[in-house]
């Protein structure tokens, strides 16, 4: 289930145990990583948490991981590269080595 707001989280089904939090404000398209962290506090610890949008570096992933996130939706930063697949593979290798 993807959510953007606390209201959407409040309306989620109790059977859902994987929640993606989109960091992009749909009104002005700004991105705020701290939005994921704030909403994650209201999600049970046993749920899988995915942070979505605006993630482009390893430091951000480490920061989000320290707040309980297990997954990350990334795309824009790779698609801006000449070879998105290679950029993604390089990113994964860098992440695994740290």
PDB file of N, CA and C in Angstrom:
ATOM      1  N   UNK A   1       0.850  -1.169   0.000  1.00  0.00           N
ATOM      2  CA  UNK A   1       0.000   0.000   0.000  1.00  0.00           C
ATOM      3  C   UNK A   1       0.896   1.233   0.000  1.00  0.00           C
ATOM      4  N   UNK A   2       0.635   2.158  -0.903  1.00  0.00           N
ATOM      5  CA  UNK A   2       1.382   3.422  -0.911  1.00  0.00           C
ATOM      6  C   UNK A   2       0.543   4.498  -0.245  1.00  0.00           C
ATOM      7  N   UNK A   3       1.200   5.259   0.626  1.00  0.00           N
ATOM      8  CA  UNK A   3       0.522   6.370   1.283  1.00  0.00           C
ATOM      9  C   UNK A   3       1.333   7.645   1.084  1.00  0.00           C
ATOM     10  N   UNK A   4       0.637   8.777   1.239  1.00  0.00           N
ATOM     11  CA  UNK A   4       1.276  10.088   1.175  1.00  0.00           C
ATOM     12  C   UNK A   4       1.074  10.872   2.472  1.00  0.00           C
ATOM     13  N   UNK A   5       0.022  10.542   3.212  1.00  0.00           N
ATOM     14  CA  UNK A   5      -0.355  11.346   4.378  1.00  0.00           C
ATOM     15  C   UNK A   5      -0.741  10.470   5.564  1.00  0.00           C
ATOM     16  N   UNK A   6      -0.807  11.094   6.720  1.00  0.00           N
ATOM     17  CA  UNK A   6      -1.271  10.413   7.927  1.00  0.00           C
ATOM     18  C   UNK A   6      -2.714   9.951   7.742  1.00  0.00           C
ATOM     19  N   UNK A   7      -3.530  10.744   7.067  1.00  0.00           N
ATOM     20  CA  UNK A   7      -4.928  10.383   6.840  1.00  0.00           C
ATOM     21  C   UNK A   7      -5.035   9.086   6.031  1.00  0.00           C
ATOM     22  N   UNK A   8      -4.196   8.950   5.010  1.00  0.00           N
ATOM     23  CA  UNK A   8      -4.205   7.717   4.224  1.00  0.00           C
ATOM     24  C   UNK A   8      -3.748   6.531   5.070  1.00  0.00           C
ATOM     25  N   UNK A   9      -2.776   6.748   5.925  1.00  0.00           N
ATOM     26  CA  UNK A   9      -2.321   5.682   6.819  1.00  0.00           C
ATOM     27  C   UNK A   9      -3.444   5.269   7.762  1.00  0.00           C
ATOM     28  N   UNK A  10      -4.164   6.236   8.291  1.00  0.00           N
ATOM     29  CA  UNK A  10      -5.263   5.950   9.214  1.00  0.00           C
ATOM     30  C   UNK A  10      -6.363   5.121   8.555  1.00  0.00           C
ATOM     31  N   UNK A  11      -6.531   5.270   7.243  1.00  0.00           N
ATOM     32  CA  UNK A  11      -7.579   4.550   6.515  1.00  0.00           C
ATOM     33  C   UNK A  11      -7.117   3.183   6.003  1.00  0.00           C
ATOM     34  N   UNK A  12      -5.851   2.836   6.218  1.00  0.00           N
ATOM     35  CA  UNK A  12      -5.328   1.585   5.663  1.00  0.00           C
ATOM     36  C   UNK A  12      -5.967   0.372   6.331  1.00  0.00           C
ATOM     37  N   UNK A  13      -5.996  -0.715   5.602  1.00  0.00           N
ATOM     38  CA  UNK A  13      -6.581  -1.963   6.091  1.00  0.00           C
ATOM     39  C   UNK A  13      -5.662  -2.604   7.121  1.00  0.00           C
ATOM     40  N   UNK A  14      -6.218  -3.200   8.161  1.00  0.00           N
ATOM     41  CA  UNK A  14      -5.378  -3.840   9.176  1.00  0.00           C
ATOM     42  C   UNK A  14      -4.595  -5.038   8.644  1.00  0.00           C
ATOM     43  N   UNK A  15      -5.034  -5.620   7.516  1.00  0.00           N
ATOM     44  CA  UNK A  15      -4.340  -6.774   6.946  1.00  0.00           C
ATOM     45  C   UNK A  15      -3.059  -6.385   6.215  1.00  0.00           C
ATOM     46  N   UNK A  16      -2.900  -5.113   5.919  1.00  0.00           N
ATOM     47  CA  UNK A  16      -1.730  -4.633   5.175  1.00  0.00           C
ATOM     48  C   UNK A  16      -0.514  -4.661   6.099  1.00  0.00           C
ATOM     49  N   UNK A  17       0.591  -5.264   5.629  1.00  0.00           N
ATOM     50  CA  UNK A  17       1.797  -5.277   6.462  1.00  0.00           C
ATOM     51  C   UNK A  17       3.031  -4.770   5.711  1.00  0.00           C
ATOM     52  N   UNK A  18       2.804  -4.183   4.535  1.00  0.00           N
ATOM     53  CA  UNK A  18       3.867  -3.549   3.767  1.00  0.00           C
ATOM     54  C   UNK A  18       3.346  -2.192   3.314  1.00  0.00           C
ATOM     55  N   UNK A  19       4.044  -1.139   3.730  1.00  0.00           N
ATOM     56  CA  UNK A  19       3.578   0.211   3.415  1.00  0.00           C
ATOM     57  C   UNK A  19       4.707   1.014   2.797  1.00  0.00           C
ATOM     58  N   UNK A  20       4.407   1.625   1.654  1.00  0.00           N
ATOM     59  CA  UNK A  20       5.335   2.544   1.011  1.00  0.00           C
ATOM     60  C   UNK A  20       4.917   3.968   1.303  1.00  0.00           C
ATOM     61  N   UNK A  21       5.866   4.762   1.750  1.00  0.00           N
ATOM     62  CA  UNK A  21       5.585   6.168   2.038  1.00  0.00           C
ATOM     63  C   UNK A  21       6.231   7.002   0.942  1.00  0.00           C
ATOM     64  N   UNK A  22       5.402   7.735   0.205  1.00  0.00           N
ATOM     65  CA  UNK A  22       5.903   8.566  -0.877  1.00  0.00           C
ATOM     66  C   UNK A  22       6.336   9.911  -0.310  1.00  0.00           C
ATOM     67  N   UNK A  23       7.587  10.268  -0.550  1.00  0.00           N
ATOM     68  CA  UNK A  23       8.146  11.518  -0.032  1.00  0.00           C
ATOM     69  C   UNK A  23       7.782  12.734  -0.874  1.00  0.00           C
ATOM     70  N   UNK A  24       7.141  12.512  -2.006  1.00  0.00           N
ATOM     71  CA  UNK A  24       6.809  13.614  -2.901  1.00  0.00           C
ATOM     72  C   UNK A  24       5.458  14.215  -2.524  1.00  0.00           C
ATOM     73  N   UNK A  25       5.441  15.514  -2.338  1.00  0.00           N
ATOM     74  CA  UNK A  25       4.209  16.250  -2.088  1.00  0.00           C
ATOM     75  C   UNK A  25       3.471  16.352  -3.423  1.00  0.00           C
ATOM     76  N   UNK A  26       2.287  15.803  -3.511  1.00  0.00           N
ATOM     77  CA  UNK A  26       1.560  15.776  -4.776  1.00  0.00           C
ATOM     78  C   UNK A  26       0.974  17.123  -5.167  1.00  0.00           C
ATOM     79  N   UNK A  27       1.012  18.098  -4.269  1.00  0.00           N
ATOM     80  CA  UNK A  27       0.496  19.434  -4.589  1.00  0.00           C
ATOM     81  C   UNK A  27       1.549  20.300  -5.256  1.00  0.00           C
ATOM     82  N   UNK A  28       2.790  20.226  -4.776  1.00  0.00           N
ATOM     83  CA  UNK A  28       3.838  21.082  -5.352  1.00  0.00           C
ATOM     84  C   UNK A  28       5.046  20.286  -5.865  1.00  0.00           C
ATOM     85  N   UNK A  29       4.996  18.963  -5.746  1.00  0.00           N
ATOM     86  CA  UNK A  29       6.026  18.030  -6.229  1.00  0.00           C
ATOM     87  C   UNK A  29       7.378  18.171  -5.527  1.00  0.00           C
ATOM     88  N   UNK A  30       7.397  18.869  -4.402  1.00  0.00           N
ATOM     89  CA  UNK A  30       8.626  18.925  -3.606  1.00  0.00           C
ATOM     90  C   UNK A  30       8.828  17.569  -2.933  1.00  0.00           C
ATOM     91  N   UNK A  31      10.062  17.307  -2.513  1.00  0.00           N
ATOM     92  CA  UNK A  31      10.404  16.028  -1.886  1.00  0.00           C
ATOM     93  C   UNK A  31      10.988  16.300  -0.511  1.00  0.00           C
ATOM     94  N   UNK A  32      10.529  15.529   0.486  1.00  0.00           N
ATOM     95  CA  UNK A  32      11.014  15.671   1.856  1.00  0.00           C
ATOM     96  C   UNK A  32      11.199  14.278   2.455  1.00  0.00           C
ATOM     97  N   UNK A  33      12.444  13.858   2.584  1.00  0.00           N
ATOM     98  CA  UNK A  33      12.757  12.535   3.130  1.00  0.00           C
ATOM     99  C   UNK A  33      12.269  12.413   4.572  1.00  0.00           C
ATOM    100  N   UNK A  34      12.312  13.484   5.314  1.00  0.00           N
ATOM    101  CA  UNK A  34      11.865  13.447   6.711  1.00  0.00           C
ATOM    102  C   UNK A  34      10.384  13.094   6.818  1.00  0.00           C
ATOM    103  N   UNK A  35       9.649  13.271   5.729  1.00  0.00           N
ATOM    104  CA  UNK A  35       8.233  12.894   5.694  1.00  0.00           C
ATOM    105  C   UNK A  35       8.091  11.392   5.959  1.00  0.00           C
ATOM    106  N   UNK A  36       8.946  10.587   5.330  1.00  0.00           N
ATOM    107  CA  UNK A  36       8.929   9.134   5.567  1.00  0.00           C
ATOM    108  C   UNK A  36       9.186   8.824   7.031  1.00  0.00           C
ATOM    109  N   UNK A  37      10.184   9.471   7.578  1.00  0.00           N
ATOM    110  CA  UNK A  37      10.572   9.203   8.966  1.00  0.00           C
ATOM    111  C   UNK A  37       9.446   9.558   9.921  1.00  0.00           C
ATOM    112  N   UNK A  38       8.800  10.681   9.679  1.00  0.00           N
ATOM    113  CA  UNK A  38       7.700  11.111  10.548  1.00  0.00           C
ATOM    114  C   UNK A  38       6.536  10.120  10.485  1.00  0.00           C
ATOM    115  N   UNK A  39       6.110   9.741   9.287  1.00  0.00           N
ATOM    116  CA  UNK A  39       4.985   8.811   9.162  1.00  0.00           C
ATOM    117  C   UNK A  39       5.340   7.407   9.644  1.00  0.00           C
ATOM    118  N   UNK A  40       6.587   7.010   9.499  1.00  0.00           N
ATOM    119  CA  UNK A  40       7.005   5.663   9.916  1.00  0.00           C
ATOM    120  C   UNK A  40       6.795   5.436  11.406  1.00  0.00           C
ATOM    121  N   UNK A  41       6.832   6.495  12.174  1.00  0.00           N
ATOM    122  CA  UNK A  41       6.641   6.366  13.621  1.00  0.00           C
ATOM    123  C   UNK A  41       5.254   5.845  13.967  1.00  0.00           C
ATOM    124  N   UNK A  42       4.297   6.012  13.047  1.00  0.00           N
ATOM    125  CA  UNK A  42       2.927   5.563  13.291  1.00  0.00           C
ATOM    126  C   UNK A  42       2.652   4.174  12.714  1.00  0.00           C
ATOM    127  N   UNK A  43       3.664   3.563  12.115  1.00  0.00           N
ATOM    128  CA  UNK A  43       3.507   2.239  11.501  1.00  0.00           C
ATOM    129  C   UNK A  43       4.107   1.194  12.439  1.00  0.00           C
ATOM    130  N   UNK A  44       3.383   0.110  12.703  1.00  0.00           N
ATOM    131  CA  UNK A  44       3.920  -0.923  13.601  1.00  0.00           C
ATOM    132  C   UNK A  44       5.301  -1.416  13.158  1.00  0.00           C
ATOM    133  N   UNK A  45       6.145  -1.704  14.115  1.00  0.00           N
ATOM    134  CA  UNK A  45       7.532  -2.105  13.848  1.00  0.00           C
ATOM    135  C   UNK A  45       7.622  -3.362  12.993  1.00  0.00           C
ATOM    136  N   UNK A  46       6.646  -4.266  13.109  1.00  0.00           N
ATOM    137  CA  UNK A  46       6.722  -5.518  12.353  1.00  0.00           C
ATOM    138  C   UNK A  46       6.337  -5.356  10.877  1.00  0.00           C
ATOM    139  N   UNK A  47       5.830  -4.203  10.489  1.00  0.00           N
ATOM    140  CA  UNK A  47       5.480  -3.948   9.090  1.00  0.00           C
ATOM    141  C   UNK A  47       6.745  -3.669   8.280  1.00  0.00           C
ATOM    142  N   UNK A  48       6.721  -4.033   7.009  1.00  0.00           N
ATOM    143  CA  UNK A  48       7.796  -3.669   6.087  1.00  0.00           C
ATOM    144  C   UNK A  48       7.534  -2.251   5.610  1.00  0.00           C
ATOM    145  N   UNK A  49       8.543  -1.395   5.760  1.00  0.00           N
ATOM    146  CA  UNK A  49       8.409   0.014   5.384  1.00  0.00           C
ATOM    147  C   UNK A  49       9.308   0.305   4.189  1.00  0.00           C
ATOM    148  N   UNK A  50       8.717   0.952   3.176  1.00  0.00           N
ATOM    149  CA  UNK A  50       9.427   1.333   1.963  1.00  0.00           C
ATOM    150  C   UNK A  50       9.361   2.854   1.849  1.00  0.00           C
ATOM    151  N   UNK A  51      10.502   3.493   1.636  1.00  0.00           N
ATOM    152  CA  UNK A  51      10.534   4.937   1.406  1.00  0.00           C
ATOM    153  C   UNK A  51      10.612   5.162  -0.098  1.00  0.00           C
ATOM    154  N   UNK A  52       9.742   6.032  -0.608  1.00  0.00           N
ATOM    155  CA  UNK A  52       9.618   6.219  -2.049  1.00  0.00           C
ATOM    156  C   UNK A  52       9.850   7.676  -2.456  1.00  0.00           C
ATOM    157  N   UNK A  53      10.623   7.874  -3.496  1.00  0.00           N
ATOM    158  CA  UNK A  53      10.851   9.165  -4.165  1.00  0.00           C
ATOM    159  C   UNK A  53      11.883  10.027  -3.463  1.00  0.00           C
ATOM    160  N   UNK A  54      12.693  10.671  -4.288  1.00  0.00           N
ATOM    161  CA  UNK A  54      13.668  11.632  -3.790  1.00  0.00           C
ATOM    162  C   UNK A  54      14.919  11.030  -3.182  1.00  0.00           C
ATOM    163  N   UNK A  55      15.145   9.758  -3.412  1.00  0.00           N
ATOM    164  CA  UNK A  55      16.321   9.084  -2.847  1.00  0.00           C
ATOM    165  C   UNK A  55      17.369   8.974  -3.948  1.00  0.00           C
ATOM    166  N   UNK A  56      18.563   9.509  -3.683  1.00  0.00           N
ATOM    167  CA  UNK A  56      19.577   9.501  -4.740  1.00  0.00           C
ATOM    168  C   UNK A  56      20.987   9.203  -4.241  1.00  0.00           C
ATOM    169  N   UNK A  57      21.133   8.940  -2.934  1.00  0.00           N
ATOM    170  CA  UNK A  57      22.486   8.666  -2.440  1.00  0.00           C
ATOM    171  C   UNK A  57      22.463   7.668  -1.281  1.00  0.00           C
ATOM    172  N   UNK A  58      23.614   7.086  -1.036  1.00  0.00           N
ATOM    173  CA  UNK A  58      23.755   6.054  -0.009  1.00  0.00           C
ATOM    174  C   UNK A  58      23.507   6.612   1.384  1.00  0.00           C
ATOM    175  N   UNK A  59      23.915   7.846   1.629  1.00  0.00           N
ATOM    176  CA  UNK A  59      23.722   8.444   2.952  1.00  0.00           C
ATOM    177  C   UNK A  59      22.239   8.513   3.309  1.00  0.00           C
ATOM    178  N   UNK A  60      21.401   8.841   2.336  1.00  0.00           N
ATOM    179  CA  UNK A  60      19.959   8.895   2.583  1.00  0.00           C
ATOM    180  C   UNK A  60      19.420   7.509   2.904  1.00  0.00           C
ATOM    181  N   UNK A  61      19.879   6.499   2.191  1.00  0.00           N
ATOM    182  CA  UNK A  61      19.435   5.129   2.473  1.00  0.00           C
ATOM    183  C   UNK A  61      19.859   4.706   3.875  1.00  0.00           C
ATOM    184  N   UNK A  62      21.075   5.006   4.258  1.00  0.00           N
ATOM    185  CA  UNK A  62      21.535   4.672   5.613  1.00  0.00           C
ATOM    186  C   UNK A  62      20.688   5.388   6.661  1.00  0.00           C
ATOM    187  N   UNK A  63      20.380   6.653   6.415  1.00  0.00           N
ATOM    188  CA  UNK A  63      19.557   7.433   7.346  1.00  0.00           C
ATOM    189  C   UNK A  63      18.169   6.795   7.482  1.00  0.00           C
ATOM    190  N   UNK A  64      17.562   6.450   6.364  1.00  0.00           N
ATOM    191  CA  UNK A  64      16.234   5.835   6.400  1.00  0.00           C
ATOM    192  C   UNK A  64      16.276   4.443   7.033  1.00  0.00           C
ATOM    193  N   UNK A  65      17.311   3.676   6.747  1.00  0.00           N
ATOM    194  CA  UNK A  65      17.462   2.351   7.354  1.00  0.00           C
ATOM    195  C   UNK A  65      17.534   2.459   8.873  1.00  0.00           C
ATOM    196  N   UNK A  66      18.210   3.485   9.358  1.00  0.00           N
ATOM    197  CA  UNK A  66      18.323   3.666  10.810  1.00  0.00           C
ATOM    198  C   UNK A  66      16.979   3.997  11.454  1.00  0.00           C
ATOM    199  N   UNK A  67      15.994   4.345  10.637  1.00  0.00           N
ATOM    200  CA  UNK A  67      14.648   4.634  11.131  1.00  0.00           C
ATOM    201  C   UNK A  67      13.667   3.514  10.783  1.00  0.00           C
ATOM    202  N   UNK A  68      14.194   2.327  10.459  1.00  0.00           N
ATOM    203  CA  UNK A  68      13.347   1.156  10.285  1.00  0.00           C
ATOM    204  C   UNK A  68      12.915   0.830   8.869  1.00  0.00           C
ATOM    205  N   UNK A  69      13.420   1.532   7.876  1.00  0.00           N
ATOM    206  CA  UNK A  69      13.031   1.236   6.497  1.00  0.00           C
ATOM    207  C   UNK A  69      13.836   0.061   5.962  1.00  0.00           C
ATOM    208  N   UNK A  70      13.129  -0.842   5.260  1.00  0.00           N
ATOM    209  CA  UNK A  70      13.767  -2.025   4.691  1.00  0.00           C
ATOM    210  C   UNK A  70      13.847  -1.968   3.169  1.00  0.00           C
ATOM    211  N   UNK A  71      13.168  -1.029   2.546  1.00  0.00           N
ATOM    212  CA  UNK A  71      13.159  -0.946   1.090  1.00  0.00           C
ATOM    213  C   UNK A  71      13.064   0.491   0.623  1.00  0.00           C
ATOM    214  N   UNK A  72      13.433   0.691  -0.643  1.00  0.00           N
ATOM    215  CA  UNK A  72      13.521   2.046  -1.189  1.00  0.00           C
ATOM    216  C   UNK A  72      13.115   2.015  -2.652  1.00  0.00           C
ATOM    217  N   UNK A  73      12.262   2.943  -3.050  1.00  0.00           N
ATOM    218  CA  UNK A  73      11.866   3.065  -4.439  1.00  0.00           C
ATOM    219  C   UNK A  73      12.648   4.230  -5.032  1.00  0.00           C
ATOM    220  N   UNK A  74      13.493   3.900  -5.983  1.00  0.00           N
ATOM    221  CA  UNK A  74      14.345   4.904  -6.628  1.00  0.00           C
ATOM    222  C   UNK A  74      14.148   4.790  -8.131  1.00  0.00           C
ATOM    223  N   UNK A  75      14.308   5.876  -8.834  1.00  0.00           N
ATOM    224  CA  UNK A  75      14.187   5.808 -10.282  1.00  0.00           C
ATOM    225  C   UNK A  75      14.737   7.029 -10.978  1.00  0.00           C
ATOM    226  N   UNK A  76      14.289   8.191 -10.545  1.00  0.00           N
ATOM    227  CA  UNK A  76      14.650   9.429 -11.237  1.00  0.00           C
ATOM    228  C   UNK A  76      16.157   9.618 -11.340  1.00  0.00           C
ATOM    229  N   UNK A  77      16.871   9.377 -10.252  1.00  0.00           N
ATOM    230  CA  UNK A  77      18.323   9.591 -10.279  1.00  0.00           C
ATOM    231  C   UNK A  77      19.004   8.658 -11.279  1.00  0.00           C
ATOM    232  N   UNK A  78      18.477   7.449 -11.455  1.00  0.00           N
ATOM    233  CA  UNK A  78      19.050   6.522 -12.432  1.00  0.00           C
ATOM    234  C   UNK A  78      18.661   6.911 -13.861  1.00  0.00           C
ATOM    235  N   UNK A  79      17.420   7.343 -14.039  1.00  0.00           N
ATOM    236  CA  UNK A  79      16.940   7.663 -15.380  1.00  0.00           C
ATOM    237  C   UNK A  79      17.613   8.902 -15.959  1.00  0.00           C
ATOM    238  N   UNK A  80      18.224   9.707 -15.122  1.00  0.00           N
ATOM    239  CA  UNK A  80      18.945  10.889 -15.599  1.00  0.00           C
ATOM    240  C   UNK A  80      20.333  10.534 -16.126  1.00  0.00           C
ATOM    241  N   UNK A  81      20.742   9.287 -15.950  1.00  0.00           N
ATOM    242  CA  UNK A  81      22.064   8.831 -16.380  1.00  0.00           C
ATOM    243  C   UNK A  81      22.002   8.305 -17.820  1.00  0.00           C
ATOM    244  N   UNK A  82      23.141   8.334 -18.496  1.00  0.00           N
ATOM    245  CA  UNK A  82      23.206   7.829 -19.873  1.00  0.00           C
ATOM    246  C   UNK A  82      22.865   6.342 -19.934  1.00  0.00           C
ATOM    247  N   UNK A  83      23.270   5.580 -18.914  1.00  0.00           N
ATOM    248  CA  UNK A  83      22.988   4.149 -18.855  1.00  0.00           C
ATOM    249  C   UNK A  83      22.370   3.846 -17.488  1.00  0.00           C
ATOM    250  N   UNK A  84      21.034   3.937 -17.386  1.00  0.00           N
ATOM    251  CA  UNK A  84      20.369   3.742 -16.090  1.00  0.00           C
ATOM    252  C   UNK A  84      20.672   2.399 -15.432  1.00  0.00           C
ATOM    253  N   UNK A  85      20.721   1.330 -16.209  1.00  0.00           N
ATOM    254  CA  UNK A  85      21.000   0.009 -15.643  1.00  0.00           C
ATOM    255  C   UNK A  85      22.380  -0.066 -15.020  1.00  0.00           C
ATOM    256  N   UNK A  86      23.351   0.494 -15.704  1.00  0.00           N
ATOM    257  CA  UNK A  86      24.718   0.510 -15.180  1.00  0.00           C
ATOM    258  C   UNK A  86      24.806   1.391 -13.934  1.00  0.00           C
ATOM    259  N   UNK A  87      24.118   2.527 -13.963  1.00  0.00           N
ATOM    260  CA  UNK A  87      24.114   3.420 -12.802  1.00  0.00           C
ATOM    261  C   UNK A  87      23.501   2.727 -11.588  1.00  0.00           C
ATOM    262  N   UNK A  88      22.436   1.980 -11.806  1.00  0.00           N
ATOM    263  CA  UNK A  88      21.786   1.243 -10.716  1.00  0.00           C
ATOM    264  C   UNK A  88      22.720   0.160 -10.179  1.00  0.00           C
ATOM    265  N   UNK A  89      23.346  -0.586 -11.067  1.00  0.00           N
ATOM    266  CA  UNK A  89      24.269  -1.645 -10.641  1.00  0.00           C
ATOM    267  C   UNK A  89      25.438  -1.066  -9.852  1.00  0.00           C
ATOM    268  N   UNK A  90      25.986   0.064 -10.308  1.00  0.00           N
ATOM    269  CA  UNK A  90      27.080   0.725  -9.585  1.00  0.00           C
ATOM    270  C   UNK A  90      26.624   1.166  -8.201  1.00  0.00           C
ATOM    271  N   UNK A  91      25.407   1.699  -8.127  1.00  0.00           N
ATOM    272  CA  UNK A  91      24.858   2.155  -6.852  1.00  0.00           C
ATOM    273  C   UNK A  91      24.726   0.978  -5.885  1.00  0.00           C
ATOM    274  N   UNK A  92      24.207  -0.126  -6.365  1.00  0.00           N
ATOM    275  CA  UNK A  92      24.032  -1.314  -5.521  1.00  0.00           C
ATOM    276  C   UNK A  92      25.384  -1.819  -5.028  1.00  0.00           C
ATOM    277  N   UNK A  93      26.369  -1.867  -5.915  1.00  0.00           N
ATOM    278  CA  UNK A  93      27.703  -2.310  -5.497  1.00  0.00           C
ATOM    279  C   UNK A  93      28.272  -1.384  -4.425  1.00  0.00           C
ATOM    280  N   UNK A  94      28.103  -0.086  -4.609  1.00  0.00           N
ATOM    281  CA  UNK A  94      28.597   0.876  -3.615  1.00  0.00           C
ATOM    282  C   UNK A  94      27.892   0.691  -2.280  1.00  0.00           C
ATOM    283  N   UNK A  95      26.598   0.463  -2.330  1.00  0.00           N
ATOM    284  CA  UNK A  95      25.819   0.266  -1.107  1.00  0.00           C
ATOM    285  C   UNK A  95      26.263  -1.006  -0.387  1.00  0.00           C
ATOM    286  N   UNK A  96      26.504  -2.063  -1.122  1.00  0.00           N
ATOM    287  CA  UNK A  96      26.915  -3.332  -0.519  1.00  0.00           C
ATOM    288  C   UNK A  96      28.310  -3.257   0.087  1.00  0.00           C
ATOM    289  N   UNK A  97      29.145  -2.379  -0.427  1.00  0.00           N
ATOM    290  CA  UNK A  97      30.521  -2.290   0.076  1.00  0.00           C
ATOM    291  C   UNK A  97      30.637  -1.393   1.303  1.00  0.00           C
ATOM    292  N   UNK A  98      29.571  -0.722   1.676  1.00  0.00           N
ATOM    293  CA  UNK A  98      29.634   0.200   2.829  1.00  0.00           C
ATOM    294  C   UNK A  98      28.952  -0.367   4.032  1.00  0.00           C
TER     295      UNK A  98
END
